[in-house]
């Protein structure tokens, strides 16, 4: 397998509203969970206070953190991990069209 990096490193964030933290102490370790299929409803639940804390991609929370609509906790539990990669079984058998797509998607620092 050949991996081609197509995105930057990703980091998750655990966030909640200031109102949530006014009523509940910030956790020291992860506990309990709601399950969502997508990050957007999870973010919406956190912003409205319906879901307590949300564990979601950091880039979705950045604007809300900057505007103080959300606060971050448990940063030590949210390490960065390698971003998205495109995997190809073999370059010898790849089509020219796939090669063009791979080059277009390739992430460059």
PDB file of N, CA and C in Angstrom:
ATOM      1  N   UNK A   1       0.840  -1.187   0.000  1.00  0.00           N
ATOM      2  CA  UNK A   1       0.000   0.000   0.000  1.00  0.00           C
ATOM      3  C   UNK A   1       0.881   1.245   0.000  1.00  0.00           C
ATOM      4  N   UNK A   2       0.449   2.223  -0.736  1.00  0.00           N
ATOM      5  CA  UNK A   2       1.129   3.512  -0.775  1.00  0.00           C
ATOM      6  C   UNK A   2       0.164   4.549  -0.215  1.00  0.00           C
ATOM      7  N   UNK A   3       0.619   5.312   0.779  1.00  0.00           N
ATOM      8  CA  UNK A   3      -0.213   6.352   1.395  1.00  0.00           C
ATOM      9  C   UNK A   3       0.229   7.715   0.896  1.00  0.00           C
ATOM     10  N   UNK A   4      -0.724   8.519   0.463  1.00  0.00           N
ATOM     11  CA  UNK A   4      -0.454   9.885   0.030  1.00  0.00           C
ATOM     12  C   UNK A   4      -1.230  10.803   0.969  1.00  0.00           C
ATOM     13  N   UNK A   5      -0.508  11.671   1.645  1.00  0.00           N
ATOM     14  CA  UNK A   5      -1.141  12.584   2.592  1.00  0.00           C
ATOM     15  C   UNK A   5      -1.960  13.621   1.827  1.00  0.00           C
ATOM     16  N   UNK A   6      -3.249  13.774   2.202  1.00  0.00           N
ATOM     17  CA  UNK A   6      -4.109  14.744   1.526  1.00  0.00           C
ATOM     18  C   UNK A   6      -4.680  15.786   2.492  1.00  0.00           C
ATOM     19  N   UNK A   7      -4.172  15.840   3.713  1.00  0.00           N
ATOM     20  CA  UNK A   7      -4.645  16.837   4.665  1.00  0.00           C
ATOM     21  C   UNK A   7      -3.675  17.007   5.808  1.00  0.00           C
ATOM     22  N   UNK A   8      -3.828  18.101   6.561  1.00  0.00           N
ATOM     23  CA  UNK A   8      -2.942  18.366   7.691  1.00  0.00           C
ATOM     24  C   UNK A   8      -3.262  17.453   8.866  1.00  0.00           C
ATOM     25  N   UNK A   9      -2.398  17.465   9.884  1.00  0.00           N
ATOM     26  CA  UNK A   9      -2.702  16.737  11.113  1.00  0.00           C
ATOM     27  C   UNK A   9      -4.027  17.250  11.676  1.00  0.00           C
ATOM     28  N   UNK A  10      -4.755  16.375  12.327  1.00  0.00           N
ATOM     29  CA  UNK A  10      -6.049  16.711  12.918  1.00  0.00           C
ATOM     30  C   UNK A  10      -5.972  16.571  14.425  1.00  0.00           C
ATOM     31  N   UNK A  11      -6.729  17.378  15.100  1.00  0.00           N
ATOM     32  CA  UNK A  11      -6.802  17.293  16.552  1.00  0.00           C
ATOM     33  C   UNK A  11      -8.257  17.406  16.954  1.00  0.00           C
ATOM     34  N   UNK A  12      -8.634  16.674  17.946  1.00  0.00           N
ATOM     35  CA  UNK A  12      -9.985  16.732  18.465  1.00  0.00           C
ATOM     36  C   UNK A  12     -10.017  17.725  19.627  1.00  0.00           C
ATOM     37  N   UNK A  13     -11.222  18.147  20.003  1.00  0.00           N
ATOM     38  CA  UNK A  13     -11.391  19.066  21.119  1.00  0.00           C
ATOM     39  C   UNK A  13     -12.609  18.633  21.922  1.00  0.00           C
ATOM     40  N   UNK A  14     -12.514  18.753  23.235  1.00  0.00           N
ATOM     41  CA  UNK A  14     -13.663  18.549  24.119  1.00  0.00           C
ATOM     42  C   UNK A  14     -14.097  19.940  24.548  1.00  0.00           C
ATOM     43  N   UNK A  15     -15.355  20.294  24.240  1.00  0.00           N
ATOM     44  CA  UNK A  15     -15.833  21.646  24.484  1.00  0.00           C
ATOM     45  C   UNK A  15     -17.212  21.638  25.131  1.00  0.00           C
ATOM     46  N   UNK A  16     -17.511  22.714  25.832  1.00  0.00           N
ATOM     47  CA  UNK A  16     -18.826  22.926  26.423  1.00  0.00           C
ATOM     48  C   UNK A  16     -19.058  24.420  26.561  1.00  0.00           C
ATOM     49  N   UNK A  17     -20.289  24.810  26.824  1.00  0.00           N
ATOM     50  CA  UNK A  17     -20.612  26.229  26.952  1.00  0.00           C
ATOM     51  C   UNK A  17     -20.184  26.757  28.320  1.00  0.00           C
ATOM     52  N   UNK A  18     -19.943  28.072  28.405  1.00  0.00           N
ATOM     53  CA  UNK A  18     -19.653  28.669  29.720  1.00  0.00           C
ATOM     54  C   UNK A  18     -20.773  28.390  30.725  1.00  0.00           C
ATOM     55  N   UNK A  19     -22.024  28.391  30.269  1.00  0.00           N
ATOM     56  CA  UNK A  19     -23.151  28.100  31.156  1.00  0.00           C
ATOM     57  C   UNK A  19     -23.063  26.677  31.713  1.00  0.00           C
ATOM     58  N   UNK A  20     -22.649  25.737  30.870  1.00  0.00           N
ATOM     59  CA  UNK A  20     -22.488  24.353  31.337  1.00  0.00           C
ATOM     60  C   UNK A  20     -21.452  24.290  32.464  1.00  0.00           C
ATOM     61  N   UNK A  21     -20.333  24.991  32.267  1.00  0.00           N
ATOM     62  CA  UNK A  21     -19.277  24.958  33.278  1.00  0.00           C
ATOM     63  C   UNK A  21     -19.633  25.759  34.526  1.00  0.00           C
ATOM     64  N   UNK A  22     -20.586  26.676  34.406  1.00  0.00           N
ATOM     65  CA  UNK A  22     -21.064  27.396  35.587  1.00  0.00           C
ATOM     66  C   UNK A  22     -21.891  26.465  36.476  1.00  0.00           C
ATOM     67  N   UNK A  23     -22.527  25.471  35.860  1.00  0.00           N
ATOM     68  CA  UNK A  23     -23.367  24.516  36.601  1.00  0.00           C
ATOM     69  C   UNK A  23     -22.656  23.217  36.954  1.00  0.00           C
ATOM     70  N   UNK A  24     -21.624  22.854  36.180  1.00  0.00           N
ATOM     71  CA  UNK A  24     -20.912  21.586  36.369  1.00  0.00           C
ATOM     72  C   UNK A  24     -19.410  21.839  36.368  1.00  0.00           C
ATOM     73  N   UNK A  25     -18.671  21.185  37.248  1.00  0.00           N
ATOM     74  CA  UNK A  25     -17.210  21.363  37.224  1.00  0.00           C
ATOM     75  C   UNK A  25     -16.612  20.723  35.968  1.00  0.00           C
ATOM     76  N   UNK A  26     -15.498  21.265  35.527  1.00  0.00           N
ATOM     77  CA  UNK A  26     -14.807  20.689  34.375  1.00  0.00           C
ATOM     78  C   UNK A  26     -14.293  19.303  34.737  1.00  0.00           C
ATOM     79  N   UNK A  27     -14.476  18.314  33.865  1.00  0.00           N
ATOM     80  CA  UNK A  27     -14.000  16.966  34.165  1.00  0.00           C
ATOM     81  C   UNK A  27     -12.477  16.876  34.092  1.00  0.00           C
ATOM     82  N   UNK A  28     -11.936  15.923  34.817  1.00  0.00           N
ATOM     83  CA  UNK A  28     -10.494  15.667  34.777  1.00  0.00           C
ATOM     84  C   UNK A  28     -10.160  14.477  33.887  1.00  0.00           C
ATOM     85  N   UNK A  29     -11.152  13.629  33.646  1.00  0.00           N
ATOM     86  CA  UNK A  29     -11.003  12.483  32.748  1.00  0.00           C
ATOM     87  C   UNK A  29     -12.298  12.336  31.946  1.00  0.00           C
ATOM     88  N   UNK A  30     -12.236  11.728  30.772  1.00  0.00           N
ATOM     89  CA  UNK A  30     -13.457  11.506  29.985  1.00  0.00           C
ATOM     90  C   UNK A  30     -14.409  10.572  30.729  1.00  0.00           C
ATOM     91  N   UNK A  31     -15.716  10.815  30.573  1.00  0.00           N
ATOM     92  CA  UNK A  31     -16.717   9.939  31.187  1.00  0.00           C
ATOM     93  C   UNK A  31     -18.049  10.089  30.458  1.00  0.00           C
ATOM     94  N   UNK A  32     -18.777   9.018  30.323  1.00  0.00           N
ATOM     95  CA  UNK A  32     -20.123   9.049  29.735  1.00  0.00           C
ATOM     96  C   UNK A  32     -20.115   9.524  28.302  1.00  0.00           C
ATOM     97  N   UNK A  33     -21.189   9.249  27.537  1.00  0.00           N
ATOM     98  CA  UNK A  33     -21.191   9.719  26.155  1.00  0.00           C
ATOM     99  C   UNK A  33     -22.575   9.670  25.528  1.00  0.00           C
ATOM    100  N   UNK A  34     -22.788  10.594  24.619  1.00  0.00           N
ATOM    101  CA  UNK A  34     -23.899  10.564  23.677  1.00  0.00           C
ATOM    102  C   UNK A  34     -23.292  10.076  22.369  1.00  0.00           C
ATOM    103  N   UNK A  35     -24.095   9.520  21.517  1.00  0.00           N
ATOM    104  CA  UNK A  35     -23.585   9.032  20.240  1.00  0.00           C
ATOM    105  C   UNK A  35     -24.282   9.787  19.108  1.00  0.00           C
ATOM    106  N   UNK A  36     -23.479  10.352  18.216  1.00  0.00           N
ATOM    107  CA  UNK A  36     -23.979  11.070  17.053  1.00  0.00           C
ATOM    108  C   UNK A  36     -23.318  10.481  15.817  1.00  0.00           C
ATOM    109  N   UNK A  37     -23.992  10.583  14.675  1.00  0.00           N
ATOM    110  CA  UNK A  37     -23.431  10.103  13.417  1.00  0.00           C
ATOM    111  C   UNK A  37     -22.521  11.135  12.759  1.00  0.00           C
ATOM    112  N   UNK A  38     -22.723  12.417  13.087  1.00  0.00           N
ATOM    113  CA  UNK A  38     -21.950  13.485  12.451  1.00  0.00           C
ATOM    114  C   UNK A  38     -21.539  14.509  13.497  1.00  0.00           C
ATOM    115  N   UNK A  39     -20.527  15.283  13.167  1.00  0.00           N
ATOM    116  CA  UNK A  39     -20.001  16.287  14.101  1.00  0.00           C
ATOM    117  C   UNK A  39     -20.899  17.506  14.243  1.00  0.00           C
ATOM    118  N   UNK A  40     -21.597  17.891  13.167  1.00  0.00           N
ATOM    119  CA  UNK A  40     -22.413  19.103  13.209  1.00  0.00           C
ATOM    120  C   UNK A  40     -23.528  19.021  14.257  1.00  0.00           C
ATOM    121  N   UNK A  41     -24.308  17.940  14.332  1.00  0.00           N
ATOM    122  CA  UNK A  41     -25.316  17.865  15.399  1.00  0.00           C
ATOM    123  C   UNK A  41     -24.684  17.845  16.799  1.00  0.00           C
ATOM    124  N   UNK A  42     -23.507  17.253  16.907  1.00  0.00           N
ATOM    125  CA  UNK A  42     -22.803  17.229  18.186  1.00  0.00           C
ATOM    126  C   UNK A  42     -22.430  18.652  18.603  1.00  0.00           C
ATOM    127  N   UNK A  43     -21.925  19.442  17.660  1.00  0.00           N
ATOM    128  CA  UNK A  43     -21.581  20.831  17.930  1.00  0.00           C
ATOM    129  C   UNK A  43     -22.827  21.618  18.321  1.00  0.00           C
ATOM    130  N   UNK A  44     -23.915  21.429  17.591  1.00  0.00           N
ATOM    131  CA  UNK A  44     -25.176  22.121  17.886  1.00  0.00           C
ATOM    132  C   UNK A  44     -25.672  21.765  19.283  1.00  0.00           C
ATOM    133  N   UNK A  45     -25.576  20.505  19.665  1.00  0.00           N
ATOM    134  CA  UNK A  45     -26.008  20.080  21.007  1.00  0.00           C
ATOM    135  C   UNK A  45     -25.171  20.744  22.087  1.00  0.00           C
ATOM    136  N   UNK A  46     -23.878  20.856  21.852  1.00  0.00           N
ATOM    137  CA  UNK A  46     -23.007  21.514  22.836  1.00  0.00           C
ATOM    138  C   UNK A  46     -23.322  23.000  22.929  1.00  0.00           C
ATOM    139  N   UNK A  47     -23.526  23.657  21.791  1.00  0.00           N
ATOM    140  CA  UNK A  47     -23.803  25.099  21.787  1.00  0.00           C
ATOM    141  C   UNK A  47     -25.118  25.445  22.469  1.00  0.00           C
ATOM    142  N   UNK A  48     -26.106  24.565  22.362  1.00  0.00           N
ATOM    143  CA  UNK A  48     -27.408  24.824  22.989  1.00  0.00           C
ATOM    144  C   UNK A  48     -27.458  24.343  24.431  1.00  0.00           C
ATOM    145  N   UNK A  49     -26.431  23.634  24.855  1.00  0.00           N
ATOM    146  CA  UNK A  49     -26.414  23.104  26.215  1.00  0.00           C
ATOM    147  C   UNK A  49     -27.141  21.785  26.356  1.00  0.00           C
ATOM    148  N   UNK A  50     -27.721  21.287  25.272  1.00  0.00           N
ATOM    149  CA  UNK A  50     -28.491  20.043  25.326  1.00  0.00           C
ATOM    150  C   UNK A  50     -27.622  18.814  25.496  1.00  0.00           C
ATOM    151  N   UNK A  51     -26.384  18.875  24.985  1.00  0.00           N
ATOM    152  CA  UNK A  51     -25.547  17.692  24.989  1.00  0.00           C
ATOM    153  C   UNK A  51     -24.410  17.730  25.984  1.00  0.00           C
ATOM    154  N   UNK A  52     -24.332  18.746  26.814  1.00  0.00           N
ATOM    155  CA  UNK A  52     -23.210  18.820  27.748  1.00  0.00           C
ATOM    156  C   UNK A  52     -21.927  19.144  27.032  1.00  0.00           C
ATOM    157  N   UNK A  53     -20.999  18.206  27.003  1.00  0.00           N
ATOM    158  CA  UNK A  53     -19.717  18.400  26.343  1.00  0.00           C
ATOM    159  C   UNK A  53     -19.721  17.677  25.003  1.00  0.00           C
ATOM    160  N   UNK A  54     -18.920  18.185  24.080  1.00  0.00           N
ATOM    161  CA  UNK A  54     -18.803  17.560  22.766  1.00  0.00           C
ATOM    162  C   UNK A  54     -17.339  17.258  22.481  1.00  0.00           C
ATOM    163  N   UNK A  55     -17.096  16.110  21.868  1.00  0.00           N
ATOM    164  CA  UNK A  55     -15.765  15.697  21.417  1.00  0.00           C
ATOM    165  C   UNK A  55     -15.823  15.736  19.901  1.00  0.00           C
ATOM    166  N   UNK A  56     -15.193  16.762  19.323  1.00  0.00           N
ATOM    167  CA  UNK A  56     -15.322  16.961  17.886  1.00  0.00           C
ATOM    168  C   UNK A  56     -14.034  17.507  17.287  1.00  0.00           C
ATOM    169  N   UNK A  57     -13.929  17.506  15.947  1.00  0.00           N
ATOM    170  CA  UNK A  57     -12.718  18.037  15.326  1.00  0.00           C
ATOM    171  C   UNK A  57     -12.484  19.490  15.744  1.00  0.00           C
ATOM    172  N   UNK A  58     -11.261  19.773  16.135  1.00  0.00           N
ATOM    173  CA  UNK A  58     -10.900  21.093  16.656  1.00  0.00           C
ATOM    174  C   UNK A  58     -11.282  22.225  15.702  1.00  0.00           C
ATOM    175  N   UNK A  59     -11.106  22.016  14.399  1.00  0.00           N
ATOM    176  CA  UNK A  59     -11.397  23.096  13.450  1.00  0.00           C
ATOM    177  C   UNK A  59     -12.861  23.511  13.457  1.00  0.00           C
ATOM    178  N   UNK A  60     -13.775  22.625  13.840  1.00  0.00           N
ATOM    179  CA  UNK A  60     -15.188  22.989  13.951  1.00  0.00           C
ATOM    180  C   UNK A  60     -15.453  23.882  15.161  1.00  0.00           C
ATOM    181  N   UNK A  61     -14.609  23.773  16.169  1.00  0.00           N
ATOM    182  CA  UNK A  61     -14.830  24.520  17.406  1.00  0.00           C
ATOM    183  C   UNK A  61     -14.074  25.839  17.471  1.00  0.00           C
ATOM    184  N   UNK A  62     -13.079  26.050  16.618  1.00  0.00           N
ATOM    185  CA  UNK A  62     -12.191  27.209  16.753  1.00  0.00           C
ATOM    186  C   UNK A  62     -12.914  28.552  16.778  1.00  0.00           C
ATOM    187  N   UNK A  63     -13.839  28.791  15.858  1.00  0.00           N
ATOM    188  CA  UNK A  63     -14.554  30.076  15.841  1.00  0.00           C
ATOM    189  C   UNK A  63     -15.376  30.265  17.114  1.00  0.00           C
ATOM    190  N   UNK A  64     -15.982  29.196  17.596  1.00  0.00           N
ATOM    191  CA  UNK A  64     -16.805  29.267  18.807  1.00  0.00           C
ATOM    192  C   UNK A  64     -15.929  29.471  20.049  1.00  0.00           C
ATOM    193  N   UNK A  65     -14.747  28.884  20.050  1.00  0.00           N
ATOM    194  CA  UNK A  65     -13.809  29.103  21.150  1.00  0.00           C
ATOM    195  C   UNK A  65     -13.325  30.551  21.157  1.00  0.00           C
ATOM    196  N   UNK A  66     -13.004  31.090  19.983  1.00  0.00           N
ATOM    197  CA  UNK A  66     -12.528  32.471  19.880  1.00  0.00           C
ATOM    198  C   UNK A  66     -13.596  33.465  20.314  1.00  0.00           C
ATOM    199  N   UNK A  67     -14.854  33.140  20.049  1.00  0.00           N
ATOM    200  CA  UNK A  67     -15.972  34.019  20.427  1.00  0.00           C
ATOM    201  C   UNK A  67     -16.470  33.743  21.840  1.00  0.00           C
ATOM    202  N   UNK A  68     -15.815  32.829  22.555  1.00  0.00           N
ATOM    203  CA  UNK A  68     -16.161  32.453  23.936  1.00  0.00           C
ATOM    204  C   UNK A  68     -17.555  31.848  24.058  1.00  0.00           C
ATOM    205  N   UNK A  69     -18.086  31.299  22.952  1.00  0.00           N
ATOM    206  CA  UNK A  69     -19.346  30.558  23.031  1.00  0.00           C
ATOM    207  C   UNK A  69     -19.107  29.160  23.587  1.00  0.00           C
ATOM    208  N   UNK A  70     -17.862  28.676  23.427  1.00  0.00           N
ATOM    209  CA  UNK A  70     -17.458  27.376  23.956  1.00  0.00           C
ATOM    210  C   UNK A  70     -16.154  27.536  24.722  1.00  0.00           C
ATOM    211  N   UNK A  71     -15.950  26.617  25.666  1.00  0.00           N
ATOM    212  CA  UNK A  71     -14.693  26.535  26.405  1.00  0.00           C
ATOM    213  C   UNK A  71     -14.143  25.138  26.221  1.00  0.00           C
ATOM    214  N   UNK A  72     -12.830  25.040  26.216  1.00  0.00           N
ATOM    215  CA  UNK A  72     -12.160  23.757  25.982  1.00  0.00           C
ATOM    216  C   UNK A  72     -11.714  23.146  27.302  1.00  0.00           C
ATOM    217  N   UNK A  73     -11.845  21.821  27.402  1.00  0.00           N
ATOM    218  CA  UNK A  73     -11.362  21.063  28.555  1.00  0.00           C
ATOM    219  C   UNK A  73     -10.685  19.795  28.058  1.00  0.00           C
ATOM    220  N   UNK A  74     -10.002  19.114  28.947  1.00  0.00           N
ATOM    221  CA  UNK A  74      -9.380  17.814  28.655  1.00  0.00           C
ATOM    222  C   UNK A  74      -8.406  17.862  27.477  1.00  0.00           C
ATOM    223  N   UNK A  75      -7.659  18.963  27.340  1.00  0.00           N
ATOM    224  CA  UNK A  75      -6.734  19.080  26.206  1.00  0.00           C
ATOM    225  C   UNK A  75      -5.713  17.946  26.172  1.00  0.00           C
ATOM    226  N   UNK A  76      -5.300  17.474  27.333  1.00  0.00           N
ATOM    227  CA  UNK A  76      -4.343  16.374  27.381  1.00  0.00           C
ATOM    228  C   UNK A  76      -4.886  15.063  26.847  1.00  0.00           C
ATOM    229  N   UNK A  77      -6.190  14.957  26.710  1.00  0.00           N
ATOM    230  CA  UNK A  77      -6.828  13.752  26.174  1.00  0.00           C
ATOM    231  C   UNK A  77      -7.095  13.878  24.671  1.00  0.00           C
ATOM    232  N   UNK A  78      -6.607  14.945  24.054  1.00  0.00           N
ATOM    233  CA  UNK A  78      -6.893  15.204  22.644  1.00  0.00           C
ATOM    234  C   UNK A  78      -5.602  15.381  21.834  1.00  0.00           C
ATOM    235  N   UNK A  79      -4.791  14.352  21.711  1.00  0.00           N
ATOM    236  CA  UNK A  79      -3.545  14.502  20.947  1.00  0.00           C
ATOM    237  C   UNK A  79      -3.842  14.648  19.447  1.00  0.00           C
ATOM    238  N   UNK A  80      -2.909  15.245  18.737  1.00  0.00           N
ATOM    239  CA  UNK A  80      -3.032  15.353  17.273  1.00  0.00           C
ATOM    240  C   UNK A  80      -2.784  13.976  16.662  1.00  0.00           C
ATOM    241  N   UNK A  81      -3.394  13.725  15.533  1.00  0.00           N
ATOM    242  CA  UNK A  81      -3.127  12.485  14.810  1.00  0.00           C
ATOM    243  C   UNK A  81      -2.988  12.801  13.329  1.00  0.00           C
ATOM    244  N   UNK A  82      -2.358  11.902  12.631  1.00  0.00           N
ATOM    245  CA  UNK A  82      -2.097  12.110  11.202  1.00  0.00           C
ATOM    246  C   UNK A  82      -3.402  12.382  10.472  1.00  0.00           C
ATOM    247  N   UNK A  83      -3.379  13.386   9.619  1.00  0.00           N
ATOM    248  CA  UNK A  83      -4.565  13.765   8.860  1.00  0.00           C
ATOM    249  C   UNK A  83      -4.958  12.717   7.834  1.00  0.00           C
ATOM    250  N   UNK A  84      -5.832  13.114   6.944  1.00  0.00           N
ATOM    251  CA  UNK A  84      -6.352  12.181   5.954  1.00  0.00           C
ATOM    252  C   UNK A  84      -5.279  11.786   4.940  1.00  0.00           C
ATOM    253  N   UNK A  85      -5.361  10.526   4.548  1.00  0.00           N
ATOM    254  CA  UNK A  85      -4.455   9.966   3.543  1.00  0.00           C
ATOM    255  C   UNK A  85      -5.285   9.213   2.509  1.00  0.00           C
ATOM    256  N   UNK A  86      -4.785   9.197   1.305  1.00  0.00           N
ATOM    257  CA  UNK A  86      -5.366   8.396   0.235  1.00  0.00           C
ATOM    258  C   UNK A  86      -4.475   7.179   0.083  1.00  0.00           C
ATOM    259  N   UNK A  87      -5.061   6.004   0.098  1.00  0.00           N
ATOM    260  CA  UNK A  87      -4.276   4.769  -0.010  1.00  0.00           C
ATOM    261  C   UNK A  87      -4.479   4.140  -1.373  1.00  0.00           C
ATOM    262  N   UNK A  88      -3.363   3.722  -1.963  1.00  0.00           N
ATOM    263  CA  UNK A  88      -3.367   3.090  -3.275  1.00  0.00           C
ATOM    264  C   UNK A  88      -2.619   1.765  -3.151  1.00  0.00           C
ATOM    265  N   UNK A  89      -3.149   0.733  -3.765  1.00  0.00           N
ATOM    266  CA  UNK A  89      -2.538  -0.593  -3.653  1.00  0.00           C
ATOM    267  C   UNK A  89      -1.163  -0.645  -4.310  1.00  0.00           C
ATOM    268  N   UNK A  90      -0.988   0.007  -5.436  1.00  0.00           N
ATOM    269  CA  UNK A  90       0.298  -0.037  -6.129  1.00  0.00           C
ATOM    270  C   UNK A  90       0.353   1.044  -7.188  1.00  0.00           C
ATOM    271  N   UNK A  91       1.461   1.746  -7.258  1.00  0.00           N
ATOM    272  CA  UNK A  91       1.609   2.775  -8.294  1.00  0.00           C
ATOM    273  C   UNK A  91       1.817   2.142  -9.680  1.00  0.00           C
ATOM    274  N   UNK A  92       2.312   0.933  -9.716  1.00  0.00           N
ATOM    275  CA  UNK A  92       2.564   0.285 -11.008  1.00  0.00           C
ATOM    276  C   UNK A  92       1.270   0.003 -11.756  1.00  0.00           C
ATOM    277  N   UNK A  93       0.183  -0.215 -11.029  1.00  0.00           N
ATOM    278  CA  UNK A  93      -1.073  -0.565 -11.673  1.00  0.00           C
ATOM    279  C   UNK A  93      -2.069   0.595 -11.696  1.00  0.00           C
ATOM    280  N   UNK A  94      -1.662   1.775 -11.244  1.00  0.00           N
ATOM    281  CA  UNK A  94      -2.560   2.918 -11.206  1.00  0.00           C
ATOM    282  C   UNK A  94      -2.797   3.493 -12.594  1.00  0.00           C
ATOM    283  N   UNK A  95      -3.999   3.979 -12.799  1.00  0.00           N
ATOM    284  CA  UNK A  95      -4.314   4.630 -14.070  1.00  0.00           C
ATOM    285  C   UNK A  95      -3.764   6.060 -14.065  1.00  0.00           C
ATOM    286  N   UNK A  96      -3.628   6.613 -15.231  1.00  0.00           N
ATOM    287  CA  UNK A  96      -3.163   7.995 -15.355  1.00  0.00           C
ATOM    288  C   UNK A  96      -4.158   8.950 -14.671  1.00  0.00           C
ATOM    289  N   UNK A  97      -5.447   8.671 -14.806  1.00  0.00           N
ATOM    290  CA  UNK A  97      -6.476   9.512 -14.192  1.00  0.00           C
ATOM    291  C   UNK A  97      -6.331   9.525 -12.664  1.00  0.00           C
ATOM    292  N   UNK A  98      -6.070   8.360 -12.073  1.00  0.00           N
ATOM    293  CA  UNK A  98      -5.873   8.305 -10.631  1.00  0.00           C
ATOM    294  C   UNK A  98      -4.639   9.094 -10.223  1.00  0.00           C
ATOM    295  N   UNK A  99      -3.587   9.030 -11.019  1.00  0.00           N
ATOM    296  CA  UNK A  99      -2.372   9.789 -10.739  1.00  0.00           C
ATOM    297  C   UNK A  99      -2.628  11.291 -10.715  1.00  0.00           C
ATOM    298  N   UNK A 100      -3.464  11.772 -11.632  1.00  0.00           N
ATOM    299  CA  UNK A 100      -3.814  13.195 -11.680  1.00  0.00           C
ATOM    300  C   UNK A 100      -4.603  13.579 -10.430  1.00  0.00           C
ATOM    301  N   UNK A 101      -5.529  12.738 -10.012  1.00  0.00           N
ATOM    302  CA  UNK A 101      -6.322  13.003  -8.806  1.00  0.00           C
ATOM    303  C   UNK A 101      -5.432  13.008  -7.574  1.00  0.00           C
ATOM    304  N   UNK A 102      -4.545  12.055  -7.472  1.00  0.00           N
ATOM    305  CA  UNK A 102      -3.632  11.984  -6.327  1.00  0.00           C
ATOM    306  C   UNK A 102      -2.777  13.241  -6.236  1.00  0.00           C
ATOM    307  N   UNK A 103      -2.247  13.684  -7.348  1.00  0.00           N
ATOM    308  CA  UNK A 103      -1.417  14.907  -7.340  1.00  0.00           C
ATOM    309  C   UNK A 103      -2.218  16.137  -6.986  1.00  0.00           C
ATOM    310  N   UNK A 104      -3.479  16.186  -7.420  1.00  0.00           N
ATOM    311  CA  UNK A 104      -4.336  17.332  -7.100  1.00  0.00           C
ATOM    312  C   UNK A 104      -4.687  17.381  -5.612  1.00  0.00           C
ATOM    313  N   UNK A 105      -4.829  16.203  -4.995  1.00  0.00           N
ATOM    314  CA  UNK A 105      -5.208  16.132  -3.588  1.00  0.00           C
ATOM    315  C   UNK A 105      -4.031  16.167  -2.626  1.00  0.00           C
ATOM    316  N   UNK A 106      -2.836  15.907  -3.134  1.00  0.00           N
ATOM    317  CA  UNK A 106      -1.633  15.800  -2.268  1.00  0.00           C
ATOM    318  C   UNK A 106      -1.497  17.044  -1.392  1.00  0.00           C
ATOM    319  N   UNK A 107      -1.328  16.826  -0.084  1.00  0.00           N
ATOM    320  CA  UNK A 107      -1.153  17.921   0.874  1.00  0.00           C
ATOM    321  C   UNK A 107       0.305  18.348   0.897  1.00  0.00           C
ATOM    322  N   UNK A 108       0.512  19.633   0.794  1.00  0.00           N
ATOM    323  CA  UNK A 108       1.855  20.189   0.850  1.00  0.00           C
ATOM    324  C   UNK A 108       1.911  21.187   1.986  1.00  0.00           C
ATOM    325  N   UNK A 109       2.872  21.008   2.876  1.00  0.00           N
ATOM    326  CA  UNK A 109       3.022  21.920   4.021  1.00  0.00           C
ATOM    327  C   UNK A 109       3.340  23.313   3.601  1.00  0.00           C
TER     328      UNK A 109
END
